[in-house]
């Protein structure tokens, strides 16, 4: 495995991993604060910039794609309060904390706007700057 590099974001408000402070997203990529996750409130973000690197995975996961300082797990189907979705858990690239998930597919027509978007759980984020 080659060396992996973390990306540092610029902006007036940056959200980072609460465990290791790795930069994850800016306020400008936030779409909504009206979501819930496994740990309470969650925010919907309009995607992150995909980096062309592959990171090695812990033995319990196959990780194959990296976004801004996160790695994505395998897709799996989940039934959520808004219906059935195919999602991928997302993990901090430095400390491997599960931070939320990415929506790959929404099966309800009213939920299609979520496809390709990311949920980050507020309790797992911290303000960085």
C-alpha atoms as a PDB file:
ATOM      1  CA  UNK A   1       0.000   0.000   0.000  1.00  0.00           C
ATOM      2  CA  UNK A   2       1.221   3.460  -0.831  1.00  0.00           C
ATOM      3  CA  UNK A   3       1.059   6.413   1.441  1.00  0.00           C
ATOM      4  CA  UNK A   4      -2.373   7.932   1.960  1.00  0.00           C
ATOM      5  CA  UNK A   5      -2.732  11.670   2.285  1.00  0.00           C
ATOM      6  CA  UNK A   6      -5.431  13.533   4.145  1.00  0.00           C
ATOM      7  CA  UNK A   7      -6.988  16.544   2.495  1.00  0.00           C
ATOM      8  CA  UNK A   8      -7.399  19.785   4.433  1.00  0.00           C
ATOM      9  CA  UNK A   9     -10.447  21.888   3.646  1.00  0.00           C
ATOM     10  CA  UNK A  10     -10.697  25.669   3.672  1.00  0.00           C
ATOM     11  CA  UNK A  11     -13.743  27.711   4.514  1.00  0.00           C
ATOM     12  CA  UNK A  12     -15.570  29.564   7.242  1.00  0.00           C
ATOM     13  CA  UNK A  13     -16.865  26.404   8.945  1.00  0.00           C
ATOM     14  CA  UNK A  14     -15.322  22.967   8.618  1.00  0.00           C
ATOM     15  CA  UNK A  15     -16.709  19.774  10.119  1.00  0.00           C
ATOM     16  CA  UNK A  16     -14.227  17.150  11.262  1.00  0.00           C
ATOM     17  CA  UNK A  17     -14.170  13.735  12.885  1.00  0.00           C
ATOM     18  CA  UNK A  18     -14.778  14.161  16.630  1.00  0.00           C
ATOM     19  CA  UNK A  19     -12.200  11.458  17.408  1.00  0.00           C
ATOM     20  CA  UNK A  20      -9.196  12.705  15.407  1.00  0.00           C
ATOM     21  CA  UNK A  21     -10.256  16.103  13.935  1.00  0.00           C
ATOM     22  CA  UNK A  22      -9.730  14.943  10.330  1.00  0.00           C
ATOM     23  CA  UNK A  23     -11.480  17.374   7.944  1.00  0.00           C
ATOM     24  CA  UNK A  24     -14.679  15.954   6.401  1.00  0.00           C
ATOM     25  CA  UNK A  25     -16.944  18.662   4.950  1.00  0.00           C
ATOM     26  CA  UNK A  26     -17.687  22.384   4.870  1.00  0.00           C
ATOM     27  CA  UNK A  27     -20.867  24.241   5.753  1.00  0.00           C
ATOM     28  CA  UNK A  28     -21.276  25.059   2.036  1.00  0.00           C
ATOM     29  CA  UNK A  29     -21.791  21.392   1.121  1.00  0.00           C
ATOM     30  CA  UNK A  30     -24.539  20.928   3.735  1.00  0.00           C
ATOM     31  CA  UNK A  31     -28.043  20.509   2.321  1.00  0.00           C
ATOM     32  CA  UNK A  32     -30.100  19.858   5.458  1.00  0.00           C
ATOM     33  CA  UNK A  33     -29.867  19.530   9.237  1.00  0.00           C
ATOM     34  CA  UNK A  34     -33.248  17.776   9.464  1.00  0.00           C
ATOM     35  CA  UNK A  35     -32.042  14.165   9.502  1.00  0.00           C
ATOM     36  CA  UNK A  36     -31.595  11.521  12.179  1.00  0.00           C
ATOM     37  CA  UNK A  37     -28.896   8.897  12.488  1.00  0.00           C
ATOM     38  CA  UNK A  38     -28.092   6.092  14.893  1.00  0.00           C
ATOM     39  CA  UNK A  39     -26.603   8.569  17.400  1.00  0.00           C
ATOM     40  CA  UNK A  40     -29.158  11.383  17.156  1.00  0.00           C
ATOM     41  CA  UNK A  41     -29.207  14.344  14.779  1.00  0.00           C
ATOM     42  CA  UNK A  42     -27.537  14.013  11.417  1.00  0.00           C
ATOM     43  CA  UNK A  43     -26.766  16.314   8.491  1.00  0.00           C
ATOM     44  CA  UNK A  44     -27.229  15.658   4.771  1.00  0.00           C
ATOM     45  CA  UNK A  45     -24.283  16.759   2.625  1.00  0.00           C
ATOM     46  CA  UNK A  46     -24.194  17.167  -1.134  1.00  0.00           C
ATOM     47  CA  UNK A  47     -21.425  14.719  -1.853  1.00  0.00           C
ATOM     48  CA  UNK A  48     -17.748  15.122  -1.335  1.00  0.00           C
ATOM     49  CA  UNK A  49     -14.870  15.188  -3.789  1.00  0.00           C
ATOM     50  CA  UNK A  50     -13.784  11.709  -4.818  1.00  0.00           C
ATOM     51  CA  UNK A  51     -10.051  11.055  -4.669  1.00  0.00           C
ATOM     52  CA  UNK A  52      -8.542   8.403  -6.950  1.00  0.00           C
ATOM     53  CA  UNK A  53      -6.940   6.230  -4.262  1.00  0.00           C
ATOM     54  CA  UNK A  54      -7.690   2.848  -2.775  1.00  0.00           C
ATOM     55  CA  UNK A  55      -7.057   2.276   0.913  1.00  0.00           C
ATOM     56  CA  UNK A  56      -6.433  -1.047   2.572  1.00  0.00           C
ATOM     57  CA  UNK A  57      -9.269  -2.316   4.680  1.00  0.00           C
ATOM     58  CA  UNK A  58      -9.670  -3.711   8.164  1.00  0.00           C
ATOM     59  CA  UNK A  59     -10.404  -7.440   7.930  1.00  0.00           C
ATOM     60  CA  UNK A  60     -14.121  -6.986   8.663  1.00  0.00           C
ATOM     61  CA  UNK A  61     -14.735  -4.650   5.703  1.00  0.00           C
ATOM     62  CA  UNK A  62     -13.880  -4.342   2.069  1.00  0.00           C
ATOM     63  CA  UNK A  63     -13.210  -0.672   1.470  1.00  0.00           C
ATOM     64  CA  UNK A  64     -12.691   0.402  -2.078  1.00  0.00           C
ATOM     65  CA  UNK A  65     -13.361   4.079  -2.555  1.00  0.00           C
ATOM     66  CA  UNK A  66     -12.082   7.193  -0.861  1.00  0.00           C
ATOM     67  CA  UNK A  67     -13.757  10.581  -0.670  1.00  0.00           C
ATOM     68  CA  UNK A  68     -12.514  13.577   1.291  1.00  0.00           C
ATOM     69  CA  UNK A  69     -10.856  11.784   4.169  1.00  0.00           C
ATOM     70  CA  UNK A  70     -13.455   9.017   4.324  1.00  0.00           C
ATOM     71  CA  UNK A  71     -13.604   5.492   2.985  1.00  0.00           C
ATOM     72  CA  UNK A  72     -16.802   3.816   1.850  1.00  0.00           C
ATOM     73  CA  UNK A  73     -17.875   0.309   2.796  1.00  0.00           C
ATOM     74  CA  UNK A  74     -19.747  -2.221   0.696  1.00  0.00           C
ATOM     75  CA  UNK A  75     -23.311  -1.374  -0.383  1.00  0.00           C
ATOM     76  CA  UNK A  76     -26.140  -2.916   1.628  1.00  0.00           C
ATOM     77  CA  UNK A  77     -29.910  -2.590   1.673  1.00  0.00           C
ATOM     78  CA  UNK A  78     -31.528  -0.983   4.723  1.00  0.00           C
ATOM     79  CA  UNK A  79     -35.080  -0.159   5.639  1.00  0.00           C
ATOM     80  CA  UNK A  80     -35.131   3.310   7.174  1.00  0.00           C
ATOM     81  CA  UNK A  81     -37.964   5.535   8.388  1.00  0.00           C
ATOM     82  CA  UNK A  82     -38.303   6.986   4.868  1.00  0.00           C
ATOM     83  CA  UNK A  83     -38.296   3.617   3.082  1.00  0.00           C
ATOM     84  CA  UNK A  84     -35.827   1.171   1.583  1.00  0.00           C
ATOM     85  CA  UNK A  85     -32.391   2.402   0.498  1.00  0.00           C
ATOM     86  CA  UNK A  86     -29.083   0.973  -0.653  1.00  0.00           C
ATOM     87  CA  UNK A  87     -26.381   2.656   1.447  1.00  0.00           C
ATOM     88  CA  UNK A  88     -22.669   2.405   2.239  1.00  0.00           C
ATOM     89  CA  UNK A  89     -21.272   3.174   5.676  1.00  0.00           C
ATOM     90  CA  UNK A  90     -18.520   5.799   5.617  1.00  0.00           C
ATOM     91  CA  UNK A  91     -15.472   5.736   7.886  1.00  0.00           C
ATOM     92  CA  UNK A  92     -12.808   8.271   8.840  1.00  0.00           C
ATOM     93  CA  UNK A  93      -9.644   7.480   6.863  1.00  0.00           C
ATOM     94  CA  UNK A  94      -7.419   8.171   9.888  1.00  0.00           C
ATOM     95  CA  UNK A  95      -9.158   6.553  12.876  1.00  0.00           C
ATOM     96  CA  UNK A  96     -11.790   4.341  11.141  1.00  0.00           C
ATOM     97  CA  UNK A  97     -14.721   5.789  13.132  1.00  0.00           C
ATOM     98  CA  UNK A  98     -18.028   5.094  11.363  1.00  0.00           C
ATOM     99  CA  UNK A  99     -19.314   8.628  10.678  1.00  0.00           C
ATOM    100  CA  UNK A 100     -22.527   7.971   8.769  1.00  0.00           C
ATOM    101  CA  UNK A 101     -23.451   6.646   5.340  1.00  0.00           C
ATOM    102  CA  UNK A 102     -23.788   7.422   1.648  1.00  0.00           C
ATOM    103  CA  UNK A 103     -27.074   6.878  -0.189  1.00  0.00           C
ATOM    104  CA  UNK A 104     -26.494   4.841  -3.353  1.00  0.00           C
ATOM    105  CA  UNK A 105     -30.138   4.196  -4.234  1.00  0.00           C
ATOM    106  CA  UNK A 106     -33.545   5.189  -2.920  1.00  0.00           C
ATOM    107  CA  UNK A 107     -36.470   2.945  -3.855  1.00  0.00           C
ATOM    108  CA  UNK A 108     -39.219   5.452  -3.030  1.00  0.00           C
ATOM    109  CA  UNK A 109     -39.673   8.098  -5.774  1.00  0.00           C
ATOM    110  CA  UNK A 110     -39.970  10.883  -3.168  1.00  0.00           C
ATOM    111  CA  UNK A 111     -36.547   9.955  -1.735  1.00  0.00           C
ATOM    112  CA  UNK A 112     -34.554   9.939  -5.008  1.00  0.00           C
ATOM    113  CA  UNK A 113     -33.008  13.334  -4.121  1.00  0.00           C
ATOM    114  CA  UNK A 114     -30.834  11.536  -1.525  1.00  0.00           C
ATOM    115  CA  UNK A 115     -28.976   9.403  -4.084  1.00  0.00           C
ATOM    116  CA  UNK A 116     -25.252  10.197  -4.095  1.00  0.00           C
ATOM    117  CA  UNK A 117     -25.581  12.284  -0.909  1.00  0.00           C
ATOM    118  CA  UNK A 118     -23.876  11.719   2.435  1.00  0.00           C
ATOM    119  CA  UNK A 119     -25.203  11.612   5.999  1.00  0.00           C
ATOM    120  CA  UNK A 120     -22.758  12.655   8.733  1.00  0.00           C
ATOM    121  CA  UNK A 121     -23.927  12.177  12.304  1.00  0.00           C
ATOM    122  CA  UNK A 122     -23.669  15.365  14.387  1.00  0.00           C
ATOM    123  CA  UNK A 123     -22.486  13.586  17.560  1.00  0.00           C
ATOM    124  CA  UNK A 124     -19.527  12.200  15.618  1.00  0.00           C
ATOM    125  CA  UNK A 125     -18.495  15.614  14.226  1.00  0.00           C
ATOM    126  CA  UNK A 126     -16.627  18.557  15.652  1.00  0.00           C
ATOM    127  CA  UNK A 127     -16.014  22.080  14.381  1.00  0.00           C
ATOM    128  CA  UNK A 128     -12.451  22.418  13.114  1.00  0.00           C
ATOM    129  CA  UNK A 129     -10.528  25.689  12.482  1.00  0.00           C
END
